[in-house]
Amino acid sequence: MLIQPLPWQQPIWQRLTGLQDAGRLPHALLLSGPHGVGKQELGEALLARTLCRMPSDTACGECHSCHMLKAGYHPDLLRVSPAEKSRQIRIDPIRDVNHFVAQTPQQGGYRVILLQPAEAMNVAAANALLKSLEEPGERTLFILLADVPSRMLATIRSRCQHWSLGVPTRSMCLPWLQEALGEGSEGEFWLRVSGGLPLLAKELASAESRGLRQELQELFDALVRGGEPVAEAARLERQAVDRILWYGITWLEDLIRLGLSSEEVRVRNLDLLPLYRQAVKNARVQDWFRLLDYAREQRRLLIAGGNPNPQLVLEAWLIRWSALLRS
């Protein structure tokens, strides 16, 4: 089946389709929001409806265009993302975009370009895209997806209509998550751990993510007991460092909440409270802020393709953790 908008996206979906049906949808949309809120699903549903020959509230799923989408190829759809093993969108794929928008749609409808993550475009690629955004031609729709739109060139953002997707309410997304995870899946726990982001909660509840989280919990427990940080880092050498840093960032944010307010109800990872209580005894809040800043910057560099050595980043970060836990 074609991807449908998610339950908590119905208000924004009705606004988008209302503009589309009235012929007032802009030629370039920027959909932004944190990872796990459902930007991909909203963008996919919109591109399917745009290319559909008999749309109603969503794409019909039955016309020739929808069948091509289901088969994985549509001549009037161009997807742009970083090449395999790269974290950047470079200029060559954007040249393909410029060539694509200069052509006549093969199916006689719209041409759609889905670009994600938009903040992954390097400067040359972003500058090359400007001309197509300024002069897209008729019946062309750009859909740009971004976790952090502030990392995009201002000139790109200014040429798109920006739609920001906020964190949905618990009542809007918990039933969907419970159904997605299955009975007895602790959906409420994982939704809290994810910060209220339902698709991220689904990722975190997977067996692989649970295993990594358990490894990290054991690692930090070992550091509290005096473990050697470089040796502990070696246990994680096959894991994705950006995901490890993500866990560390969320745990540091919990520590800071606990250290500033002493209110355990504000903590996202309630099962880690024993570890937090010990850590709060050993370091000042400003020390956790400094470590948090370091983790955020290293993760930003990794995601942006800044090419720091992942293992060295992990070792340096754990050495800093260890020093605080033993102070």
C-alpha atoms as a PDB file:
ATOM      1  CA  MET A   1       0.000   0.000   0.000  1.00  0.00           C
ATOM      2  CA  LEU A   2       1.009   3.615  -0.488  1.00  0.00           C
ATOM      3  CA  ILE A   3       2.148   5.435   2.648  1.00  0.00           C
ATOM      4  CA  GLN A   4      -0.660   7.322   4.379  1.00  0.00           C
ATOM      5  CA  PRO A   5      -0.445  10.355   6.683  1.00  0.00           C
ATOM      6  CA  LEU A   6      -0.160   9.307  10.312  1.00  0.00           C
ATOM      7  CA  PRO A   7      -3.085   9.831  12.741  1.00  0.00           C
ATOM      8  CA  TRP A   8      -1.556  12.848  14.491  1.00  0.00           C
ATOM      9  CA  GLN A   9      -0.863  14.489  11.121  1.00  0.00           C
ATOM     10  CA  GLN A  10      -4.507  14.844  10.109  1.00  0.00           C
ATOM     11  CA  PRO A  11      -4.804  18.585  10.916  1.00  0.00           C
ATOM     12  CA  ILE A  12      -1.734  19.536   8.866  1.00  0.00           C
ATOM     13  CA  TRP A  13      -2.740  17.051   6.144  1.00  0.00           C
ATOM     14  CA  GLN A  14      -6.153  18.670   5.757  1.00  0.00           C
ATOM     15  CA  ARG A  15      -4.533  22.092   5.452  1.00  0.00           C
ATOM     16  CA  LEU A  16      -2.049  20.870   2.833  1.00  0.00           C
ATOM     17  CA  THR A  17      -4.632  19.069   0.728  1.00  0.00           C
ATOM     18  CA  GLY A  18      -7.018  22.009   1.022  1.00  0.00           C
ATOM     19  CA  LEU A  19      -4.343  24.280  -0.450  1.00  0.00           C
ATOM     20  CA  GLN A  20      -3.567  21.710  -3.126  1.00  0.00           C
ATOM     21  CA  ASP A  21      -7.206  21.325  -4.163  1.00  0.00           C
ATOM     22  CA  ALA A  22      -7.583  25.117  -4.308  1.00  0.00           C
ATOM     23  CA  GLY A  23      -4.480  25.400  -6.512  1.00  0.00           C
ATOM     24  CA  ARG A  24      -2.658  27.411  -3.833  1.00  0.00           C
ATOM     25  CA  LEU A  25      -0.024  24.909  -2.719  1.00  0.00           C
ATOM     26  CA  PRO A  26       3.412  26.528  -3.197  1.00  0.00           C
ATOM     27  CA  HIS A  27       5.958  24.929  -5.506  1.00  0.00           C
ATOM     28  CA  ALA A  28       8.418  24.261  -2.655  1.00  0.00           C
ATOM     29  CA  LEU A  29       7.610  22.929   0.812  1.00  0.00           C
ATOM     30  CA  LEU A  30      10.016  22.512   3.697  1.00  0.00           C
ATOM     31  CA  LEU A  31       8.732  19.960   6.224  1.00  0.00           C
ATOM     32  CA  SER A  32      10.777  20.085   9.407  1.00  0.00           C
ATOM     33  CA  GLY A  33      10.694  18.463  12.806  1.00  0.00           C
ATOM     34  CA  PRO A  34      12.707  16.136  15.025  1.00  0.00           C
ATOM     35  CA  HIS A  35      13.617  12.655  13.852  1.00  0.00           C
ATOM     36  CA  GLY A  36      10.730  10.331  14.676  1.00  0.00           C
ATOM     37  CA  VAL A  37       7.853  12.780  14.258  1.00  0.00           C
ATOM     38  CA  GLY A  38       6.862  11.438  10.811  1.00  0.00           C
ATOM     39  CA  LYS A  39       8.162  13.913   8.204  1.00  0.00           C
ATOM     40  CA  GLN A  40       8.962  11.082   5.782  1.00  0.00           C
ATOM     41  CA  GLU A  41       5.454   9.651   5.978  1.00  0.00           C
ATOM     42  CA  LEU A  42       3.828  13.041   5.459  1.00  0.00           C
ATOM     43  CA  GLY A  43       6.087  13.817   2.499  1.00  0.00           C
ATOM     44  CA  GLU A  44       5.494  10.403   0.921  1.00  0.00           C
ATOM     45  CA  ALA A  45       1.719  10.732   1.311  1.00  0.00           C
ATOM     46  CA  LEU A  46       1.783  14.189  -0.271  1.00  0.00           C
ATOM     47  CA  LEU A  47       3.940  13.186  -3.236  1.00  0.00           C
ATOM     48  CA  ALA A  48       1.671  10.166  -3.858  1.00  0.00           C
ATOM     49  CA  ARG A  49      -1.436  12.365  -3.857  1.00  0.00           C
ATOM     50  CA  THR A  50       0.289  14.906  -6.115  1.00  0.00           C
ATOM     51  CA  LEU A  51       1.183  12.258  -8.709  1.00  0.00           C
ATOM     52  CA  CYS A  52      -2.133  10.384  -8.422  1.00  0.00           C
ATOM     53  CA  ARG A  53      -4.545  10.799 -11.360  1.00  0.00           C
ATOM     54  CA  MET A  54      -7.706  10.276  -9.259  1.00  0.00           C
ATOM     55  CA  PRO A  55      -6.945  11.612  -5.769  1.00  0.00           C
ATOM     56  CA  SER A  56      -9.527  11.928  -3.020  1.00  0.00           C
ATOM     57  CA  ASP A  57      -8.421  12.664   0.553  1.00  0.00           C
ATOM     58  CA  THR A  58      -5.297  10.629  -0.249  1.00  0.00           C
ATOM     59  CA  ALA A  59      -3.872   8.985  -3.372  1.00  0.00           C
ATOM     60  CA  CYS A  60      -6.339   6.493  -4.852  1.00  0.00           C
ATOM     61  CA  GLY A  61      -3.849   3.604  -4.955  1.00  0.00           C
ATOM     62  CA  GLU A  62      -5.470   2.220  -8.107  1.00  0.00           C
ATOM     63  CA  CYS A  63      -4.481   4.430 -11.048  1.00  0.00           C
ATOM     64  CA  HIS A  64      -1.463   3.786 -13.272  1.00  0.00           C
ATOM     65  CA  SER A  65       0.565   6.429 -11.454  1.00  0.00           C
ATOM     66  CA  CYS A  66      -0.126   4.843  -8.057  1.00  0.00           C
ATOM     67  CA  HIS A  67       0.772   1.403  -9.413  1.00  0.00           C
ATOM     68  CA  MET A  68       4.109   2.782 -10.614  1.00  0.00           C
ATOM     69  CA  LEU A  69       4.767   4.244  -7.166  1.00  0.00           C
ATOM     70  CA  LYS A  70       3.934   0.916  -5.546  1.00  0.00           C
ATOM     71  CA  ALA A  71       6.366  -0.785  -7.928  1.00  0.00           C
ATOM     72  CA  GLY A  72       9.121   1.567  -6.780  1.00  0.00           C
ATOM     73  CA  TYR A  73       9.539   3.729  -9.863  1.00  0.00           C
ATOM     74  CA  HIS A  74       7.738   6.746 -11.251  1.00  0.00           C
ATOM     75  CA  PRO A  75       9.260   8.745 -14.136  1.00  0.00           C
ATOM     76  CA  ASP A  76       8.007  12.052 -12.731  1.00  0.00           C
ATOM     77  CA  LEU A  77       9.431  11.519  -9.246  1.00  0.00           C
ATOM     78  CA  LEU A  78      13.041  12.231  -8.334  1.00  0.00           C
ATOM     79  CA  ARG A  79      14.398  11.341  -4.896  1.00  0.00           C
ATOM     80  CA  VAL A  80      17.588  13.009  -3.679  1.00  0.00           C
ATOM     81  CA  SER A  81      19.554  11.926  -0.604  1.00  0.00           C
ATOM     82  CA  PRO A  82      23.203  11.406   0.336  1.00  0.00           C
ATOM     83  CA  ALA A  83      25.007   8.744  -1.673  1.00  0.00           C
ATOM     84  CA  GLU A  84      25.769   5.485   0.093  1.00  0.00           C
ATOM     85  CA  LYS A  85      28.443   5.889   2.819  1.00  0.00           C
ATOM     86  CA  SER A  86      28.211   9.675   2.499  1.00  0.00           C
ATOM     87  CA  ARG A  87      26.525  12.103   4.858  1.00  0.00           C
ATOM     88  CA  GLN A  88      26.386  14.959   2.365  1.00  0.00           C
ATOM     89  CA  ILE A  89      24.316  15.734  -0.715  1.00  0.00           C
ATOM     90  CA  ARG A  90      26.839  16.942  -3.255  1.00  0.00           C
ATOM     91  CA  ILE A  91      26.407  18.948  -6.436  1.00  0.00           C
ATOM     92  CA  ASP A  92      26.003  16.126  -8.998  1.00  0.00           C
ATOM     93  CA  PRO A  93      22.571  14.960  -7.760  1.00  0.00           C
ATOM     94  CA  ILE A  94      21.413  18.587  -7.757  1.00  0.00           C
ATOM     95  CA  ARG A  95      22.500  18.934 -11.373  1.00  0.00           C
ATOM     96  CA  ASP A  96      20.228  15.950 -12.025  1.00  0.00           C
ATOM     97  CA  VAL A  97      17.418  17.885 -10.317  1.00  0.00           C
ATOM     98  CA  ASN A  98      17.983  20.899 -12.565  1.00  0.00           C
ATOM     99  CA  HIS A  99      17.855  18.656 -15.638  1.00  0.00           C
ATOM    100  CA  PHE A 100      14.741  16.887 -14.317  1.00  0.00           C
ATOM    101  CA  VAL A 101      12.715  20.078 -13.793  1.00  0.00           C
ATOM    102  CA  ALA A 102      13.600  21.286 -17.304  1.00  0.00           C
ATOM    103  CA  GLN A 103      11.869  18.268 -18.838  1.00  0.00           C
ATOM    104  CA  THR A 104       8.189  17.783 -19.634  1.00  0.00           C
ATOM    105  CA  PRO A 105       6.402  15.434 -17.203  1.00  0.00           C
ATOM    106  CA  GLN A 106       6.125  12.031 -18.859  1.00  0.00           C
ATOM    107  CA  GLN A 107       2.710  11.291 -17.354  1.00  0.00           C
ATOM    108  CA  GLY A 108       1.276  14.717 -18.110  1.00  0.00           C
ATOM    109  CA  GLY A 109       0.852  15.670 -14.456  1.00  0.00           C
ATOM    110  CA  TYR A 110       3.269  16.985 -11.858  1.00  0.00           C
ATOM    111  CA  ARG A 111       6.985  16.506 -11.434  1.00  0.00           C
ATOM    112  CA  VAL A 112       7.915  15.944  -7.772  1.00  0.00           C
ATOM    113  CA  ILE A 113      11.345  16.195  -6.167  1.00  0.00           C
ATOM    114  CA  LEU A 114      11.748  14.748  -2.658  1.00  0.00           C
ATOM    115  CA  LEU A 115      15.012  15.889  -1.063  1.00  0.00           C
ATOM    116  CA  GLN A 116      16.163  14.642   2.337  1.00  0.00           C
ATOM    117  CA  PRO A 117      17.740  15.495   4.625  1.00  0.00           C
ATOM    118  CA  ALA A 118      17.777  18.995   3.200  1.00  0.00           C
ATOM    119  CA  GLU A 119      20.433  20.150   5.675  1.00  0.00           C
ATOM    120  CA  ALA A 120      22.819  17.560   4.190  1.00  0.00           C
ATOM    121  CA  MET A 121      23.326  19.665   1.048  1.00  0.00           C
ATOM    122  CA  ASN A 122      26.801  21.138   0.955  1.00  0.00           C
ATOM    123  CA  VAL A 123      27.172  24.786  -0.059  1.00  0.00           C
ATOM    124  CA  ALA A 124      27.825  24.029  -3.733  1.00  0.00           C
ATOM    125  CA  ALA A 125      24.765  21.769  -3.943  1.00  0.00           C
ATOM    126  CA  ALA A 126      22.529  24.292  -2.173  1.00  0.00           C
ATOM    127  CA  ASN A 127      23.642  27.107  -4.452  1.00  0.00           C
ATOM    128  CA  ALA A 128      23.051  24.919  -7.509  1.00  0.00           C
ATOM    129  CA  LEU A 129      19.483  24.218  -6.331  1.00  0.00           C
ATOM    130  CA  LEU A 130      18.590  27.908  -6.048  1.00  0.00           C
ATOM    131  CA  LYS A 131      17.905  28.389  -9.755  1.00  0.00           C
ATOM    132  CA  SER A 132      15.403  25.526  -9.876  1.00  0.00           C
ATOM    133  CA  LEU A 133      13.690  26.772  -6.725  1.00  0.00           C
ATOM    134  CA  GLU A 134      13.437  30.256  -8.217  1.00  0.00           C
ATOM    135  CA  GLU A 135      12.258  29.112 -11.663  1.00  0.00           C
ATOM    136  CA  PRO A 136      10.735  25.649 -11.224  1.00  0.00           C
ATOM    137  CA  GLY A 137       8.432  25.725 -14.213  1.00  0.00           C
ATOM    138  CA  GLU A 138       4.781  24.742 -14.102  1.00  0.00           C
ATOM    139  CA  ARG A 139       3.422  21.715 -12.234  1.00  0.00           C
ATOM    140  CA  THR A 140       6.561  21.146 -10.208  1.00  0.00           C
ATOM    141  CA  LEU A 141       6.603  20.381  -6.494  1.00  0.00           C
ATOM    142  CA  PHE A 142       9.701  20.331  -4.294  1.00  0.00           C
ATOM    143  CA  ILE A 143       9.368  18.602  -0.917  1.00  0.00           C
ATOM    144  CA  LEU A 144      12.367  19.157   1.352  1.00  0.00           C
ATOM    145  CA  LEU A 145      12.606  17.278   4.656  1.00  0.00           C
ATOM    146  CA  ALA A 146      14.852  18.533   7.462  1.00  0.00           C
ATOM    147  CA  ASP A 147      15.479  17.649  11.090  1.00  0.00           C
ATOM    148  CA  VAL A 148      17.321  20.924  11.759  1.00  0.00           C
ATOM    149  CA  PRO A 149      16.338  23.542   9.146  1.00  0.00           C
ATOM    150  CA  SER A 150      18.623  26.155  10.725  1.00  0.00           C
ATOM    151  CA  ARG A 151      21.550  24.202   9.248  1.00  0.00           C
ATOM    152  CA  MET A 152      20.288  24.922   5.729  1.00  0.00           C
ATOM    153  CA  LEU A 153      21.307  27.977   3.730  1.00  0.00           C
ATOM    154  CA  ALA A 154      18.958  30.860   4.481  1.00  0.00           C
ATOM    155  CA  THR A 155      18.517  31.395   0.739  1.00  0.00           C
ATOM    156  CA  ILE A 156      17.082  27.876   0.395  1.00  0.00           C
ATOM    157  CA  ARG A 157      14.754  28.256   3.379  1.00  0.00           C
ATOM    158  CA  SER A 158      13.455  31.589   2.106  1.00  0.00           C
ATOM    159  CA  ARG A 159      12.336  29.997  -1.179  1.00  0.00           C
ATOM    160  CA  CYS A 160      10.248  27.314   0.549  1.00  0.00           C
ATOM    161  CA  GLN A 161       7.051  27.485   2.529  1.00  0.00           C
ATOM    162  CA  HIS A 162       8.040  26.112   5.917  1.00  0.00           C
ATOM    163  CA  TRP A 163       5.781  23.677   7.758  1.00  0.00           C
ATOM    164  CA  SER A 164       7.083  22.674  11.182  1.00  0.00           C
ATOM    165  CA  LEU A 165       5.865  19.390  12.660  1.00  0.00           C
ATOM    166  CA  GLY A 166       5.643  19.517  16.437  1.00  0.00           C
ATOM    167  CA  VAL A 167       5.731  16.648  18.921  1.00  0.00           C
ATOM    168  CA  PRO A 168       2.221  15.104  18.956  1.00  0.00           C
ATOM    169  CA  THR A 169       0.200  14.739  22.112  1.00  0.00           C
ATOM    170  CA  ARG A 170       0.291  11.407  23.895  1.00  0.00           C
ATOM    171  CA  SER A 171      -3.402  10.762  23.197  1.00  0.00           C
ATOM    172  CA  MET A 172      -2.915  11.311  19.453  1.00  0.00           C
ATOM    173  CA  CYS A 173      -0.020   8.910  18.969  1.00  0.00           C
ATOM    174  CA  LEU A 174      -0.003   6.318  21.780  1.00  0.00           C
ATOM    175  CA  PRO A 175      -2.791   4.134  20.273  1.00  0.00           C
ATOM    176  CA  TRP A 176      -0.864   4.023  16.976  1.00  0.00           C
ATOM    177  CA  LEU A 177       2.355   3.088  18.786  1.00  0.00           C
ATOM    178  CA  GLN A 178       0.685   0.370  20.870  1.00  0.00           C
ATOM    179  CA  GLU A 179      -0.750  -1.162  17.709  1.00  0.00           C
ATOM    180  CA  ALA A 180       2.600  -0.907  15.887  1.00  0.00           C
ATOM    181  CA  LEU A 181       4.521  -2.591  18.721  1.00  0.00           C
ATOM    182  CA  GLY A 182       1.945  -5.211  19.614  1.00  0.00           C
ATOM    183  CA  GLU A 183       0.318  -6.285  22.838  1.00  0.00           C
ATOM    184  CA  GLY A 184       2.440  -6.028  25.977  1.00  0.00           C
ATOM    185  CA  SER A 185       5.018  -3.855  24.205  1.00  0.00           C
ATOM    186  CA  GLU A 186       5.415  -1.105  26.846  1.00  0.00           C
ATOM    187  CA  GLY A 187       4.485   1.573  24.333  1.00  0.00           C
ATOM    188  CA  GLU A 188       4.046   4.202  27.045  1.00  0.00           C
ATOM    189  CA  PHE A 189       7.558   3.540  28.369  1.00  0.00           C
ATOM    190  CA  TRP A 190       9.186   3.853  24.942  1.00  0.00           C
ATOM    191  CA  LEU A 191       7.164   6.949  24.060  1.00  0.00           C
ATOM    192  CA  ARG A 192       8.519   8.600  27.224  1.00  0.00           C
ATOM    193  CA  VAL A 193      12.087   7.509  26.443  1.00  0.00           C
ATOM    194  CA  SER A 194      11.783   8.960  22.929  1.00  0.00           C
ATOM    195  CA  GLY A 195      10.620  12.329  24.184  1.00  0.00           C
ATOM    196  CA  GLY A 196       7.149  11.830  22.733  1.00  0.00           C
ATOM    197  CA  LEU A 197       8.281  10.999  19.184  1.00  0.00           C
ATOM    198  CA  PRO A 198       6.264   7.922  18.134  1.00  0.00           C
ATOM    199  CA  LEU A 199       8.359   6.694  15.194  1.00  0.00           C
ATOM    200  CA  LEU A 200      11.524   7.082  17.243  1.00  0.00           C
ATOM    201  CA  ALA A 201       9.819   5.184  20.056  1.00  0.00           C
ATOM    202  CA  LYS A 202       9.137   2.353  17.614  1.00  0.00           C
ATOM    203  CA  GLU A 203      12.834   2.320  16.619  1.00  0.00           C
ATOM    204  CA  LEU A 204      13.999   2.311  20.235  1.00  0.00           C
ATOM    205  CA  ALA A 205      11.712  -0.592  21.093  1.00  0.00           C
ATOM    206  CA  SER A 206      13.307  -2.824  18.445  1.00  0.00           C
ATOM    207  CA  ALA A 207      15.462  -5.727  19.615  1.00  0.00           C
ATOM    208  CA  GLU A 208      18.642  -4.181  18.194  1.00  0.00           C
ATOM    209  CA  SER A 209      18.103  -0.811  19.888  1.00  0.00           C
ATOM    210  CA  ARG A 210      17.150  -2.467  23.178  1.00  0.00           C
ATOM    211  CA  GLY A 211      20.397  -4.429  23.035  1.00  0.00           C
ATOM    212  CA  LEU A 212      22.499  -1.310  22.506  1.00  0.00           C
ATOM    213  CA  ARG A 213      20.692   0.522  25.293  1.00  0.00           C
ATOM    214  CA  GLN A 214      21.356  -2.366  27.667  1.00  0.00           C
ATOM    215  CA  GLU A 215      25.032  -2.417  26.681  1.00  0.00           C
ATOM    216  CA  LEU A 216      25.335   1.291  27.378  1.00  0.00           C
ATOM    217  CA  GLN A 217      23.593   0.948  30.718  1.00  0.00           C
ATOM    218  CA  GLU A 218      26.062  -1.765  31.719  1.00  0.00           C
ATOM    219  CA  LEU A 219      28.959   0.358  30.433  1.00  0.00           C
ATOM    220  CA  PHE A 220      28.036   3.400  32.514  1.00  0.00           C
ATOM    221  CA  ASP A 221      27.421   1.212  35.519  1.00  0.00           C
ATOM    222  CA  ALA A 222      30.961  -0.134  35.021  1.00  0.00           C
ATOM    223  CA  LEU A 223      32.309   3.430  34.837  1.00  0.00           C
ATOM    224  CA  VAL A 224      30.597   4.275  38.130  1.00  0.00           C
ATOM    225  CA  ARG A 225      32.371   1.264  39.648  1.00  0.00           C
ATOM    226  CA  GLY A 226      35.745   2.418  38.321  1.00  0.00           C
ATOM    227  CA  GLY A 227      35.905   0.761  34.891  1.00  0.00           C
ATOM    228  CA  GLU A 228      38.540   1.837  32.372  1.00  0.00           C
ATOM    229  CA  PRO A 229      36.814   4.061  29.763  1.00  0.00           C
ATOM    230  CA  VAL A 230      39.025   3.150  26.780  1.00  0.00           C
ATOM    231  CA  ALA A 231      38.517  -0.552  27.442  1.00  0.00           C
ATOM    232  CA  GLU A 232      34.771  -0.004  27.817  1.00  0.00           C
ATOM    233  CA  ALA A 233      34.718   1.921  24.516  1.00  0.00           C
ATOM    234  CA  ALA A 234      36.233  -1.094  22.769  1.00  0.00           C
ATOM    235  CA  ARG A 235      33.081  -3.063  23.610  1.00  0.00           C
ATOM    236  CA  LEU A 236      31.115  -0.707  21.371  1.00  0.00           C
ATOM    237  CA  GLU A 237      33.473  -0.426  18.404  1.00  0.00           C
ATOM    238  CA  ARG A 238      30.957  -1.985  15.982  1.00  0.00           C
ATOM    239  CA  GLN A 239      28.087   0.239  17.053  1.00  0.00           C
ATOM    240  CA  ALA A 240      27.070   3.521  15.396  1.00  0.00           C
ATOM    241  CA  VAL A 241      28.704   6.286  17.398  1.00  0.00           C
ATOM    242  CA  ASP A 242      26.060   8.863  16.507  1.00  0.00           C
ATOM    243  CA  ARG A 243      23.362   6.635  18.065  1.00  0.00           C
ATOM    244  CA  ILE A 244      25.549   6.038  21.144  1.00  0.00           C
ATOM    245  CA  LEU A 245      25.958   9.795  21.508  1.00  0.00           C
ATOM    246  CA  TRP A 246      22.192  10.225  21.091  1.00  0.00           C
ATOM    247  CA  TYR A 247      21.588   7.957  24.078  1.00  0.00           C
ATOM    248  CA  GLY A 248      24.266   9.771  26.055  1.00  0.00           C
ATOM    249  CA  ILE A 249      22.737  13.157  25.233  1.00  0.00           C
ATOM    250  CA  THR A 250      19.273  12.100  26.403  1.00  0.00           C
ATOM    251  CA  TRP A 251      20.742  10.661  29.611  1.00  0.00           C
ATOM    252  CA  LEU A 252      22.715  13.847  30.263  1.00  0.00           C
ATOM    253  CA  GLU A 253      19.569  15.895  29.745  1.00  0.00           C
ATOM    254  CA  ASP A 254      17.868  13.677  32.347  1.00  0.00           C
ATOM    255  CA  LEU A 255      20.763  14.205  34.752  1.00  0.00           C
ATOM    256  CA  ILE A 256      20.533  17.970  34.331  1.00  0.00           C
ATOM    257  CA  ARG A 257      16.759  17.941  34.896  1.00  0.00           C
ATOM    258  CA  LEU A 258      17.246  15.869  38.015  1.00  0.00           C
ATOM    259  CA  GLY A 259      20.148  17.991  39.258  1.00  0.00           C
ATOM    260  CA  LEU A 260      18.299  21.279  38.760  1.00  0.00           C
ATOM    261  CA  SER A 261      14.880  20.312  40.066  1.00  0.00           C
ATOM    262  CA  SER A 262      15.271  17.009  41.985  1.00  0.00           C
ATOM    263  CA  GLU A 263      11.911  16.089  40.404  1.00  0.00           C
ATOM    264  CA  GLU A 264      12.095  12.487  39.218  1.00  0.00           C
ATOM    265  CA  VAL A 265       8.799  12.877  37.354  1.00  0.00           C
ATOM    266  CA  ARG A 266      10.631  15.007  34.748  1.00  0.00           C
ATOM    267  CA  VAL A 267      13.085  12.215  33.881  1.00  0.00           C
ATOM    268  CA  ARG A 268      12.508  10.410  30.583  1.00  0.00           C
ATOM    269  CA  ASN A 269      14.452   7.218  31.376  1.00  0.00           C
ATOM    270  CA  LEU A 270      12.871   6.251  34.681  1.00  0.00           C
ATOM    271  CA  ASP A 271      14.558   2.841  34.717  1.00  0.00           C
ATOM    272  CA  LEU A 272      17.945   4.613  34.940  1.00  0.00           C
ATOM    273  CA  LEU A 273      17.150   6.540  38.124  1.00  0.00           C
ATOM    274  CA  PRO A 274      19.553   4.483  40.306  1.00  0.00           C
ATOM    275  CA  LEU A 275      22.410   5.351  37.927  1.00  0.00           C
ATOM    276  CA  TYR A 276      21.335   8.986  37.810  1.00  0.00           C
ATOM    277  CA  ARG A 277      21.168   9.323  41.592  1.00  0.00           C
ATOM    278  CA  GLN A 278      24.743   8.094  41.915  1.00  0.00           C
ATOM    279  CA  ALA A 279      25.963  10.355  39.124  1.00  0.00           C
ATOM    280  CA  VAL A 280      24.231  13.426  40.585  1.00  0.00           C
ATOM    281  CA  LYS A 281      26.140  12.880  43.834  1.00  0.00           C
ATOM    282  CA  ASN A 282      29.491  12.870  42.054  1.00  0.00           C
ATOM    283  CA  ALA A 283      29.411  15.972  39.831  1.00  0.00           C
ATOM    284  CA  ARG A 284      28.018  19.483  39.601  1.00  0.00           C
ATOM    285  CA  VAL A 285      25.279  20.407  37.132  1.00  0.00           C
ATOM    286  CA  GLN A 286      27.608  22.723  35.214  1.00  0.00           C
ATOM    287  CA  ASP A 287      29.923  19.737  34.607  1.00  0.00           C
ATOM    288  CA  TRP A 288      27.051  17.824  33.008  1.00  0.00           C
ATOM    289  CA  PHE A 289      26.251  20.868  30.845  1.00  0.00           C
ATOM    290  CA  ARG A 290      29.833  20.937  29.549  1.00  0.00           C
ATOM    291  CA  LEU A 291      29.756  17.223  28.757  1.00  0.00           C
ATOM    292  CA  LEU A 292      26.384  17.672  27.052  1.00  0.00           C
ATOM    293  CA  ASP A 293      27.765  20.469  24.864  1.00  0.00           C
ATOM    294  CA  TYR A 294      30.711  18.267  23.887  1.00  0.00           C
ATOM    295  CA  ALA A 295      28.448  15.323  22.963  1.00  0.00           C
ATOM    296  CA  ARG A 296      26.098  17.509  20.919  1.00  0.00           C
ATOM    297  CA  GLU A 297      28.950  19.082  18.969  1.00  0.00           C
ATOM    298  CA  GLN A 298      30.619  15.741  18.230  1.00  0.00           C
ATOM    299  CA  ARG A 299      27.330  14.243  17.076  1.00  0.00           C
ATOM    300  CA  ARG A 300      26.658  17.284  14.889  1.00  0.00           C
ATOM    301  CA  LEU A 301      30.071  16.866  13.246  1.00  0.00           C
ATOM    302  CA  LEU A 302      29.479  13.150  12.658  1.00  0.00           C
ATOM    303  CA  ILE A 303      26.050  13.716  11.114  1.00  0.00           C
ATOM    304  CA  ALA A 304      27.321  16.591   8.965  1.00  0.00           C
ATOM    305  CA  GLY A 305      30.151  14.465   7.584  1.00  0.00           C
ATOM    306  CA  GLY A 306      32.829  16.424   9.439  1.00  0.00           C
ATOM    307  CA  ASN A 307      34.755  13.133   9.516  1.00  0.00           C
ATOM    308  CA  PRO A 308      36.053  12.971  13.091  1.00  0.00           C
ATOM    309  CA  ASN A 309      37.386   9.530  14.013  1.00  0.00           C
ATOM    310  CA  PRO A 310      34.313   7.846  15.569  1.00  0.00           C
ATOM    311  CA  GLN A 311      36.264   5.594  17.930  1.00  0.00           C
ATOM    312  CA  LEU A 312      38.405   8.466  19.201  1.00  0.00           C
ATOM    313  CA  VAL A 313      35.270  10.550  19.709  1.00  0.00           C
ATOM    314  CA  LEU A 314      33.721   7.751  21.757  1.00  0.00           C
ATOM    315  CA  GLU A 315      36.860   7.208  23.837  1.00  0.00           C
ATOM    316  CA  ALA A 316      37.290  10.924  24.566  1.00  0.00           C
ATOM    317  CA  TRP A 317      33.654  11.229  25.548  1.00  0.00           C
ATOM    318  CA  LEU A 318      33.753   8.223  27.900  1.00  0.00           C
ATOM    319  CA  ILE A 319      36.963   9.500  29.504  1.00  0.00           C
ATOM    320  CA  ARG A 320      35.103  12.721  30.314  1.00  0.00           C
ATOM    321  CA  TRP A 321      32.139  10.742  31.706  1.00  0.00           C
ATOM    322  CA  SER A 322      34.485   8.645  33.806  1.00  0.00           C
ATOM    323  CA  ALA A 323      36.263  11.679  35.258  1.00  0.00           C
ATOM    324  CA  LEU A 324      32.953  13.162  36.386  1.00  0.00           C
ATOM    325  CA  LEU A 325      31.664   9.905  37.854  1.00  0.00           C
ATOM    326  CA  ARG A 326      34.803   9.536  39.953  1.00  0.00           C
ATOM    327  CA  SER A 327      35.108  13.153  41.064  1.00  0.00           C
END
